[in-house]
Amino acid sequence: MKFITATFGQVLYQMPMDEIRPPSGIDNLAAIQAVVARYRFAEFPTQNDLKDIPGKGIIFKIGAAHLDGLPREIASLGIYNDGILVTAVNTDNAELIFTDLFGWAIETFGFRNPLSPPRRSYSSQVVVDFDASIDDLVTGFSKIADLLNGGLVKCGAAEFDLHVARLAISADPHVVRFPAQSSFYIEPRGGVPVGRHRYFSGAPLPTPLHLELLEQIERLLT
């Protein structure tokens, strides 16, 4: 397997916000302006939005940070009543951003470490090249394709070069609800010929574990 790129990495830190807020309270507008200055966000709440914070949270979009000697894009940062959601290009960056944000908020505004460790939920998306087609992951795929093409011929259509368009695994939605991320999927990358075996994949995993999973899946094709 060849790693091409990561396109999305999100970490949700669920924690009781009552445990981390400064005991004396906080000036929300001043805190928002400080976050915008530190992470250079292009979209952020204004003074007119302060009344909506209790219900909608505080959401920042399109920012950046320079951490561990490298620039780190921040797609979004959401601060809610039950946790903090960080979205970046991969989950490693998202975790670095959260660690920087939280340490700085403690030092600057008197926030506190929670009494219990935050629960983390992950979601990641990557692009990889396989040496073989994911068609072989579906037992009986060639027979199913032949049956479909046979039906097409019977109704006067031409046969198609058929492939697996998407392989997905998900938990029962009646059991797993938001904010749990429960779906894994892999599909041919749009805009690339299927014969290239380039795939786009999403998983409820940190980016490194997601790539390990895909390596193990590719071994099933050999």
Foldseek 3Di string as FASTA:
>chain_A
DFFDFWAKKKKWWFAQQVQFAAPVHFDVQVVQVVVCVQFVFPDWDDPVCVVVCQPQFTKTAWTWHQPPNRIWTWGMWTDYNGTIMTMGRFHVSRVRVVVVVSVVCCVPPVTDDGPDGTDMWMKTKGKGAAPDACQVVDPCSVVVLVVVQVVQVVVPHHRDPDGDAKDKDFDDCVVDDPPHDTMWMKGADPPDPSVRRMIMIMDRDGPVVVVVVVVVSSVVVD
